[in-house]
C-alpha atoms as a PDB file:
ATOM      1  CA  UNK A   1       0.000   0.000   0.000  1.00  0.00           C
ATOM      2  CA  UNK A   2       1.230   3.498  -0.801  1.00  0.00           C
ATOM      3  CA  UNK A   3       1.645   5.496   2.408  1.00  0.00           C
ATOM      4  CA  UNK A   4       2.178   8.853   0.709  1.00  0.00           C
ATOM      5  CA  UNK A   5      -1.087  10.745   0.436  1.00  0.00           C
ATOM      6  CA  UNK A   6      -2.887   8.529   2.958  1.00  0.00           C
ATOM      7  CA  UNK A   7      -4.080   9.485   6.415  1.00  0.00           C
ATOM      8  CA  UNK A   8      -2.912   7.463   9.417  1.00  0.00           C
ATOM      9  CA  UNK A   9      -4.512   7.585  12.850  1.00  0.00           C
ATOM     10  CA  UNK A  10      -2.180   6.548  15.644  1.00  0.00           C
ATOM     11  CA  UNK A  11      -3.789   5.675  18.962  1.00  0.00           C
ATOM     12  CA  UNK A  12      -1.275   6.379  21.708  1.00  0.00           C
ATOM     13  CA  UNK A  13       0.581   8.715  19.373  1.00  0.00           C
ATOM     14  CA  UNK A  14       2.040  10.624  22.300  1.00  0.00           C
ATOM     15  CA  UNK A  15       3.837   7.541  23.648  1.00  0.00           C
ATOM     16  CA  UNK A  16       6.901   5.538  22.680  1.00  0.00           C
ATOM     17  CA  UNK A  17       5.553   3.143  20.050  1.00  0.00           C
ATOM     18  CA  UNK A  18       2.860   5.498  18.808  1.00  0.00           C
ATOM     19  CA  UNK A  19       5.068   8.571  18.651  1.00  0.00           C
ATOM     20  CA  UNK A  20       7.805   6.763  16.748  1.00  0.00           C
ATOM     21  CA  UNK A  21       5.257   5.306  14.328  1.00  0.00           C
ATOM     22  CA  UNK A  22       3.608   8.667  13.747  1.00  0.00           C
ATOM     23  CA  UNK A  23       6.956  10.266  12.923  1.00  0.00           C
ATOM     24  CA  UNK A  24       8.001   7.469  10.584  1.00  0.00           C
ATOM     25  CA  UNK A  25       4.693   7.403   8.689  1.00  0.00           C
ATOM     26  CA  UNK A  26       4.782  11.195   8.401  1.00  0.00           C
ATOM     27  CA  UNK A  27       8.246  10.990   6.829  1.00  0.00           C
ATOM     28  CA  UNK A  28       6.806   8.464   4.369  1.00  0.00           C
ATOM     29  CA  UNK A  29       4.237  11.053   3.290  1.00  0.00           C
ATOM     30  CA  UNK A  30       1.147  10.321   5.402  1.00  0.00           C
ATOM     31  CA  UNK A  31      -1.066  12.867   7.133  1.00  0.00           C
ATOM     32  CA  UNK A  32      -1.152  11.981  10.837  1.00  0.00           C
ATOM     33  CA  UNK A  33      -3.895  12.113  13.456  1.00  0.00           C
ATOM     34  CA  UNK A  34      -2.430  11.677  16.937  1.00  0.00           C
ATOM     35  CA  UNK A  35      -4.985  10.156  19.314  1.00  0.00           C
ATOM     36  CA  UNK A  36      -4.016  10.209  22.971  1.00  0.00           C
ATOM     37  CA  UNK A  37      -5.527  10.875  26.389  1.00  0.00           C
ATOM     38  CA  UNK A  38      -2.422  12.759  27.518  1.00  0.00           C
ATOM     39  CA  UNK A  39      -2.874  16.255  26.105  1.00  0.00           C
ATOM     40  CA  UNK A  40       0.687  17.391  26.752  1.00  0.00           C
ATOM     41  CA  UNK A  41       2.377  14.408  25.115  1.00  0.00           C
ATOM     42  CA  UNK A  42      -0.138  14.133  22.290  1.00  0.00           C
ATOM     43  CA  UNK A  43       0.084  17.793  21.364  1.00  0.00           C
ATOM     44  CA  UNK A  44       3.896  17.674  21.573  1.00  0.00           C
ATOM     45  CA  UNK A  45       3.999  14.700  19.217  1.00  0.00           C
ATOM     46  CA  UNK A  46       1.801  16.472  16.666  1.00  0.00           C
ATOM     47  CA  UNK A  47       3.852  19.669  16.986  1.00  0.00           C
ATOM     48  CA  UNK A  48       7.089  17.763  16.403  1.00  0.00           C
ATOM     49  CA  UNK A  49       5.720  16.396  13.132  1.00  0.00           C
ATOM     50  CA  UNK A  50       4.374  19.790  12.098  1.00  0.00           C
ATOM     51  CA  UNK A  51       2.317  20.348   8.969  1.00  0.00           C
ATOM     52  CA  UNK A  52      -0.067  17.526   8.191  1.00  0.00           C
ATOM     53  CA  UNK A  53      -0.434  16.372  11.798  1.00  0.00           C
ATOM     54  CA  UNK A  54      -3.202  17.007  14.308  1.00  0.00           C
ATOM     55  CA  UNK A  55      -3.817  15.979  17.904  1.00  0.00           C
ATOM     56  CA  UNK A  56      -7.199  14.803  19.140  1.00  0.00           C
ATOM     57  CA  UNK A  57      -7.644  14.081  22.829  1.00  0.00           C
ATOM     58  CA  UNK A  58      -9.106  10.571  22.916  1.00  0.00           C
ATOM     59  CA  UNK A  59     -10.285   8.179  25.598  1.00  0.00           C
ATOM     60  CA  UNK A  60      -9.893   4.686  24.146  1.00  0.00           C
ATOM     61  CA  UNK A  61     -12.515   3.330  26.546  1.00  0.00           C
ATOM     62  CA  UNK A  62     -15.183   5.747  25.266  1.00  0.00           C
ATOM     63  CA  UNK A  63     -16.935   4.939  21.985  1.00  0.00           C
ATOM     64  CA  UNK A  64     -17.997   8.523  21.258  1.00  0.00           C
ATOM     65  CA  UNK A  65     -14.470   9.791  21.896  1.00  0.00           C
ATOM     66  CA  UNK A  66     -13.012   7.346  19.384  1.00  0.00           C
ATOM     67  CA  UNK A  67     -15.703   8.120  16.795  1.00  0.00           C
ATOM     68  CA  UNK A  68     -14.998  11.846  17.168  1.00  0.00           C
ATOM     69  CA  UNK A  69     -11.264  11.307  16.694  1.00  0.00           C
ATOM     70  CA  UNK A  70     -11.828   9.228  13.573  1.00  0.00           C
ATOM     71  CA  UNK A  71     -14.012  11.966  12.123  1.00  0.00           C
ATOM     72  CA  UNK A  72     -11.193  14.477  12.662  1.00  0.00           C
ATOM     73  CA  UNK A  73      -8.710  12.081  11.054  1.00  0.00           C
ATOM     74  CA  UNK A  74     -10.908  11.745   7.977  1.00  0.00           C
ATOM     75  CA  UNK A  75     -10.824  15.512   7.515  1.00  0.00           C
ATOM     76  CA  UNK A  76      -7.111  15.221   6.714  1.00  0.00           C
ATOM     77  CA  UNK A  77      -7.711  12.930   3.759  1.00  0.00           C
ATOM     78  CA  UNK A  78      -8.509   9.295   2.947  1.00  0.00           C
ATOM     79  CA  UNK A  79      -8.096   7.246   6.127  1.00  0.00           C
ATOM     80  CA  UNK A  80      -6.168   4.094   5.230  1.00  0.00           C
ATOM     81  CA  UNK A  81      -3.972   3.329   8.255  1.00  0.00           C
ATOM     82  CA  UNK A  82      -4.898   2.776  11.894  1.00  0.00           C
ATOM     83  CA  UNK A  83      -2.227   1.921  14.454  1.00  0.00           C
ATOM     84  CA  UNK A  84      -3.324   1.051  17.991  1.00  0.00           C
ATOM     85  CA  UNK A  85      -0.402   1.434  20.407  1.00  0.00           C
ATOM     86  CA  UNK A  86      -1.702   2.956  23.635  1.00  0.00           C
ATOM     87  CA  UNK A  87      -0.623   2.033  27.158  1.00  0.00           C
ATOM     88  CA  UNK A  88      -2.621   1.735  30.347  1.00  0.00           C
ATOM     89  CA  UNK A  89      -1.099  -0.322  33.177  1.00  0.00           C
ATOM     90  CA  UNK A  90      -0.867  -4.006  33.952  1.00  0.00           C
ATOM     91  CA  UNK A  91      -3.316  -4.958  36.676  1.00  0.00           C
ATOM     92  CA  UNK A  92      -2.960  -5.899  40.328  1.00  0.00           C
ATOM     93  CA  UNK A  93      -0.185  -8.475  40.290  1.00  0.00           C
ATOM     94  CA  UNK A  94      -0.609 -12.097  41.296  1.00  0.00           C
ATOM     95  CA  UNK A  95      -3.937 -13.929  41.153  1.00  0.00           C
ATOM     96  CA  UNK A  96      -3.516 -14.390  44.915  1.00  0.00           C
ATOM     97  CA  UNK A  97      -1.031 -12.113  46.650  1.00  0.00           C
ATOM     98  CA  UNK A  98       1.515 -13.325  49.170  1.00  0.00           C
ATOM     99  CA  UNK A  99      -0.697 -12.015  51.987  1.00  0.00           C
ATOM    100  CA  UNK A 100      -3.634 -14.130  50.758  1.00  0.00           C
ATOM    101  CA  UNK A 101      -5.498 -11.231  49.167  1.00  0.00           C
ATOM    102  CA  UNK A 102      -7.030 -12.068  45.768  1.00  0.00           C
ATOM    103  CA  UNK A 103      -6.339  -9.997  42.677  1.00  0.00           C
ATOM    104  CA  UNK A 104      -8.751  -7.093  42.356  1.00  0.00           C
ATOM    105  CA  UNK A 105     -11.548  -8.027  39.980  1.00  0.00           C
ATOM    106  CA  UNK A 106     -12.083  -4.364  39.157  1.00  0.00           C
ATOM    107  CA  UNK A 107      -8.412  -3.982  38.244  1.00  0.00           C
ATOM    108  CA  UNK A 108      -8.639  -7.050  35.998  1.00  0.00           C
ATOM    109  CA  UNK A 109     -11.700  -5.677  34.229  1.00  0.00           C
ATOM    110  CA  UNK A 110      -9.997  -2.317  33.826  1.00  0.00           C
ATOM    111  CA  UNK A 111      -6.990  -3.877  32.068  1.00  0.00           C
ATOM    112  CA  UNK A 112      -9.258  -5.851  29.742  1.00  0.00           C
ATOM    113  CA  UNK A 113     -11.234  -2.702  29.003  1.00  0.00           C
ATOM    114  CA  UNK A 114      -8.223  -0.477  28.345  1.00  0.00           C
ATOM    115  CA  UNK A 115      -6.332  -2.940  26.159  1.00  0.00           C
ATOM    116  CA  UNK A 116      -8.621  -5.569  24.642  1.00  0.00           C
ATOM    117  CA  UNK A 117     -12.021  -3.883  24.524  1.00  0.00           C
ATOM    118  CA  UNK A 118     -10.583  -0.567  23.385  1.00  0.00           C
ATOM    119  CA  UNK A 119      -8.500  -2.253  20.679  1.00  0.00           C
ATOM    120  CA  UNK A 120     -11.574  -3.995  19.309  1.00  0.00           C
ATOM    121  CA  UNK A 121     -13.573  -0.774  19.458  1.00  0.00           C
ATOM    122  CA  UNK A 122     -10.929   1.128  17.510  1.00  0.00           C
ATOM    123  CA  UNK A 123     -10.621  -1.756  15.047  1.00  0.00           C
ATOM    124  CA  UNK A 124     -14.329  -1.895  14.238  1.00  0.00           C
ATOM    125  CA  UNK A 125     -14.807   1.881  13.996  1.00  0.00           C
ATOM    126  CA  UNK A 126     -11.603   2.459  12.020  1.00  0.00           C
ATOM    127  CA  UNK A 127     -12.490  -0.389   9.675  1.00  0.00           C
ATOM    128  CA  UNK A 128     -15.898   1.141   8.970  1.00  0.00           C
ATOM    129  CA  UNK A 129     -14.208   4.457   8.140  1.00  0.00           C
ATOM    130  CA  UNK A 130     -11.473   2.877   6.006  1.00  0.00           C
ATOM    131  CA  UNK A 131     -14.157   0.960   4.099  1.00  0.00           C
ATOM    132  CA  UNK A 132     -15.469   4.314   2.829  1.00  0.00           C
ATOM    133  CA  UNK A 133     -12.255   5.032   0.895  1.00  0.00           C
ATOM    134  CA  UNK A 134     -11.739   4.193  -2.739  1.00  0.00           C
ATOM    135  CA  UNK A 135      -9.752   0.973  -3.280  1.00  0.00           C
ATOM    136  CA  UNK A 136      -6.185   1.214  -4.494  1.00  0.00           C
ATOM    137  CA  UNK A 137      -4.629  -0.964  -7.182  1.00  0.00           C
ATOM    138  CA  UNK A 138      -5.173  -4.560  -6.114  1.00  0.00           C
ATOM    139  CA  UNK A 139      -8.343  -3.700  -4.224  1.00  0.00           C
ATOM    140  CA  UNK A 140      -6.713  -2.655  -0.952  1.00  0.00           C
ATOM    141  CA  UNK A 141      -8.354   0.102   1.063  1.00  0.00           C
ATOM    142  CA  UNK A 142      -6.164   0.082   4.152  1.00  0.00           C
ATOM    143  CA  UNK A 143      -4.588  -1.681   7.097  1.00  0.00           C
ATOM    144  CA  UNK A 144      -5.118  -1.863  10.847  1.00  0.00           C
ATOM    145  CA  UNK A 145      -2.111  -2.602  13.063  1.00  0.00           C
ATOM    146  CA  UNK A 146      -2.791  -3.575  16.664  1.00  0.00           C
ATOM    147  CA  UNK A 147      -0.320  -4.052  19.496  1.00  0.00           C
ATOM    148  CA  UNK A 148      -0.137  -7.149  21.696  1.00  0.00           C
ATOM    149  CA  UNK A 149       2.907  -8.295  23.699  1.00  0.00           C
ATOM    150  CA  UNK A 150       5.028 -11.388  24.044  1.00  0.00           C
ATOM    151  CA  UNK A 151       3.268 -11.678  27.412  1.00  0.00           C
ATOM    152  CA  UNK A 152       0.329 -12.983  25.377  1.00  0.00           C
ATOM    153  CA  UNK A 153       2.378 -16.147  24.778  1.00  0.00           C
ATOM    154  CA  UNK A 154       4.592 -16.462  27.866  1.00  0.00           C
ATOM    155  CA  UNK A 155       3.289 -14.140  30.553  1.00  0.00           C
ATOM    156  CA  UNK A 156       5.217 -13.948  33.797  1.00  0.00           C
ATOM    157  CA  UNK A 157       4.275 -13.887  37.461  1.00  0.00           C
ATOM    158  CA  UNK A 158       1.845 -11.048  38.148  1.00  0.00           C
ATOM    159  CA  UNK A 159       0.811 -10.631  34.502  1.00  0.00           C
ATOM    160  CA  UNK A 160      -2.482 -12.551  34.429  1.00  0.00           C
ATOM    161  CA  UNK A 161      -4.606  -9.514  33.553  1.00  0.00           C
ATOM    162  CA  UNK A 162      -2.164  -8.005  31.081  1.00  0.00           C
ATOM    163  CA  UNK A 163      -1.427 -11.336  29.404  1.00  0.00           C
ATOM    164  CA  UNK A 164      -5.149 -12.104  29.094  1.00  0.00           C
ATOM    165  CA  UNK A 165      -5.820  -8.758  27.421  1.00  0.00           C
ATOM    166  CA  UNK A 166      -2.919  -9.089  25.010  1.00  0.00           C
ATOM    167  CA  UNK A 167      -3.800 -12.715  24.232  1.00  0.00           C
ATOM    168  CA  UNK A 168      -7.263 -11.502  23.284  1.00  0.00           C
ATOM    169  CA  UNK A 169      -5.737  -9.103  20.769  1.00  0.00           C
ATOM    170  CA  UNK A 170      -3.694 -11.961  19.324  1.00  0.00           C
ATOM    171  CA  UNK A 171      -6.788 -14.144  19.138  1.00  0.00           C
ATOM    172  CA  UNK A 172      -8.899 -11.656  17.231  1.00  0.00           C
ATOM    173  CA  UNK A 173      -6.252 -10.881  14.599  1.00  0.00           C
ATOM    174  CA  UNK A 174      -7.041 -13.667  12.141  1.00  0.00           C
ATOM    175  CA  UNK A 175     -10.851 -13.602  12.405  1.00  0.00           C
ATOM    176  CA  UNK A 176     -10.806  -9.808  12.055  1.00  0.00           C
ATOM    177  CA  UNK A 177      -8.623 -10.133   8.957  1.00  0.00           C
ATOM    178  CA  UNK A 178     -11.049 -12.689   7.536  1.00  0.00           C
ATOM    179  CA  UNK A 179     -14.023 -10.463   8.332  1.00  0.00           C
ATOM    180  CA  UNK A 180     -12.466  -7.407   6.711  1.00  0.00           C
ATOM    181  CA  UNK A 181     -10.788  -9.077   3.744  1.00  0.00           C
ATOM    182  CA  UNK A 182     -13.822  -8.596   1.469  1.00  0.00           C
ATOM    183  CA  UNK A 183     -13.576  -4.857   2.177  1.00  0.00           C
ATOM    184  CA  UNK A 184      -9.919  -4.739   1.173  1.00  0.00           C
ATOM    185  CA  UNK A 185      -8.723  -4.112   4.745  1.00  0.00           C
ATOM    186  CA  UNK A 186      -5.815  -5.997   6.289  1.00  0.00           C
ATOM    187  CA  UNK A 187      -5.353  -6.622  10.015  1.00  0.00           C
ATOM    188  CA  UNK A 188      -1.976  -7.275  11.618  1.00  0.00           C
ATOM    189  CA  UNK A 189      -0.657  -7.401  15.183  1.00  0.00           C
ATOM    190  CA  UNK A 190       2.797  -6.613  16.524  1.00  0.00           C
ATOM    191  CA  UNK A 191       3.811  -8.382  19.754  1.00  0.00           C
ATOM    192  CA  UNK A 192       6.772  -6.451  21.194  1.00  0.00           C
ATOM    193  CA  UNK A 193       9.219  -7.732  23.768  1.00  0.00           C
ATOM    194  CA  UNK A 194      11.073  -5.329  26.079  1.00  0.00           C
ATOM    195  CA  UNK A 195      11.404  -1.811  24.663  1.00  0.00           C
ATOM    196  CA  UNK A 196      12.719   1.470  26.025  1.00  0.00           C
ATOM    197  CA  UNK A 197       9.412   3.290  26.425  1.00  0.00           C
ATOM    198  CA  UNK A 198       7.707   5.196  29.202  1.00  0.00           C
ATOM    199  CA  UNK A 199       6.051   1.993  30.418  1.00  0.00           C
ATOM    200  CA  UNK A 200       8.876   1.511  32.924  1.00  0.00           C
ATOM    201  CA  UNK A 201       8.306   4.832  34.661  1.00  0.00           C
ATOM    202  CA  UNK A 202      11.301   6.744  35.982  1.00  0.00           C
ATOM    203  CA  UNK A 203      13.800   3.882  35.850  1.00  0.00           C
ATOM    204  CA  UNK A 204      16.879   5.044  33.940  1.00  0.00           C
ATOM    205  CA  UNK A 205      17.642   3.600  30.496  1.00  0.00           C
ATOM    206  CA  UNK A 206      20.995   2.379  31.831  1.00  0.00           C
ATOM    207  CA  UNK A 207      19.343   0.423  34.655  1.00  0.00           C
ATOM    208  CA  UNK A 208      16.739  -0.993  32.294  1.00  0.00           C
ATOM    209  CA  UNK A 209      19.378  -2.117  29.827  1.00  0.00           C
ATOM    210  CA  UNK A 210      21.332  -3.759  32.624  1.00  0.00           C
ATOM    211  CA  UNK A 211      18.234  -5.621  33.777  1.00  0.00           C
ATOM    212  CA  UNK A 212      16.795  -6.723  30.452  1.00  0.00           C
ATOM    213  CA  UNK A 213      19.579  -6.587  27.880  1.00  0.00           C
ATOM    214  CA  UNK A 214      21.410  -9.796  28.914  1.00  0.00           C
ATOM    215  CA  UNK A 215      18.185 -11.830  28.638  1.00  0.00           C
ATOM    216  CA  UNK A 216      17.650 -10.944  24.959  1.00  0.00           C
ATOM    217  CA  UNK A 217      19.462 -13.452  22.684  1.00  0.00           C
ATOM    218  CA  UNK A 218      20.375 -10.946  19.959  1.00  0.00           C
ATOM    219  CA  UNK A 219      20.788  -8.082  19.842  1.00  0.00           C
ATOM    220  CA  UNK A 220      21.344  -8.202  23.601  1.00  0.00           C
ATOM    221  CA  UNK A 221      19.602  -4.965  24.430  1.00  0.00           C
ATOM    222  CA  UNK A 222      16.129  -3.543  24.795  1.00  0.00           C
ATOM    223  CA  UNK A 223      14.299  -2.551  21.654  1.00  0.00           C
ATOM    224  CA  UNK A 224      14.122   0.978  20.300  1.00  0.00           C
ATOM    225  CA  UNK A 225      10.585   2.281  19.633  1.00  0.00           C
ATOM    226  CA  UNK A 226      11.673   3.187  16.099  1.00  0.00           C
ATOM    227  CA  UNK A 227      12.180  -0.534  15.435  1.00  0.00           C
ATOM    228  CA  UNK A 228       8.495  -1.013  16.203  1.00  0.00           C
ATOM    229  CA  UNK A 229       7.726   1.906  13.897  1.00  0.00           C
ATOM    230  CA  UNK A 230       9.878   0.421  11.148  1.00  0.00           C
ATOM    231  CA  UNK A 231       7.901  -2.827  11.326  1.00  0.00           C
ATOM    232  CA  UNK A 232       4.629  -0.888  11.245  1.00  0.00           C
ATOM    233  CA  UNK A 233       5.783   0.882   8.085  1.00  0.00           C
ATOM    234  CA  UNK A 234       6.828  -2.401   6.496  1.00  0.00           C
ATOM    235  CA  UNK A 235       3.421  -3.887   7.306  1.00  0.00           C
ATOM    236  CA  UNK A 236       1.748  -0.943   5.602  1.00  0.00           C
ATOM    237  CA  UNK A 237       3.893  -1.286   2.514  1.00  0.00           C
ATOM    238  CA  UNK A 238       3.636  -5.072   2.074  1.00  0.00           C
ATOM    239  CA  UNK A 239       0.107  -5.935   0.865  1.00  0.00           C
ATOM    240  CA  UNK A 240       0.540  -9.667   1.433  1.00  0.00           C
ATOM    241  CA  UNK A 241       0.995  -9.341   5.180  1.00  0.00           C
ATOM    242  CA  UNK A 242      -2.397 -10.083   6.687  1.00  0.00           C
ATOM    243  CA  UNK A 243      -3.975 -11.926   9.619  1.00  0.00           C
ATOM    244  CA  UNK A 244      -0.656 -12.516  11.367  1.00  0.00           C
ATOM    245  CA  UNK A 245       1.010 -11.702  14.682  1.00  0.00           C
ATOM    246  CA  UNK A 246       4.684 -10.746  14.462  1.00  0.00           C
ATOM    247  CA  UNK A 247       6.847 -11.067  17.570  1.00  0.00           C
ATOM    248  CA  UNK A 248       9.367  -8.256  17.760  1.00  0.00           C
ATOM    249  CA  UNK A 249      11.601  -9.304  20.630  1.00  0.00           C
ATOM    250  CA  UNK A 250      15.161 -10.197  19.607  1.00  0.00           C
ATOM    251  CA  UNK A 251      14.355 -13.846  20.388  1.00  0.00           C
ATOM    252  CA  UNK A 252      13.382 -13.140  24.009  1.00  0.00           C
ATOM    253  CA  UNK A 253      11.113 -15.614  25.823  1.00  0.00           C
ATOM    254  CA  UNK A 254       9.803 -14.614  29.218  1.00  0.00           C
ATOM    255  CA  UNK A 255      10.467 -17.007  32.058  1.00  0.00           C
ATOM    256  CA  UNK A 256       8.305 -17.393  35.148  1.00  0.00           C
ATOM    257  CA  UNK A 257       9.569 -14.086  36.510  1.00  0.00           C
ATOM    258  CA  UNK A 258      10.151 -12.271  33.252  1.00  0.00           C
ATOM    259  CA  UNK A 259      13.943 -12.280  32.995  1.00  0.00           C
END
């Protein structure tokens, strides 16, 4: 698919994966709609890109908020790319804590809502909007790229909620691709390993590299968000990539405790 002249909406465009993807797609010639709940980061990401980029404050758990953001994205031009790469926390730890307290059910539901339910909501609404565009050569109208995690396959201690949400995203990839194939819309999922993003809070990059780098077979370091963005661009450009989940992890497999 030709990126130049298309519009891409990037959910979580103020964060690590989303920001890097927005910048890379903009350099490839796309108009960019940054969707994020964080006004400061979202607006900064759009400002960094400059002309052809807008920021729309968006709550991924609210249907009307997502629909409004998509409408703004369509004003930029034909919507053909949707990348879902927002964050949101990982739950309440172990199913039963060391003190005997069970995992919060509300926290579990919140993680499912923020990651899985929101991803499906964006997918269905973005797909309906992309379906309105004219098909390109070969019949393609666009592509949706969702974000899972390698925790979907080998979640560690304390990741039950997060792993369940990300496994749901993995599980819906192929049926969504089959559903949307007749409309000329592809669906792909990226499952990242350990990347240097804001998900780790205030821990320094040096400390993070020391903790995670040795556990990655090669290259023995954490991933750079631009490597996620590069894969997202390659997915956009390769029309035969569809209905698949791509692990992007340097060969890392989580053990019981992650490292």
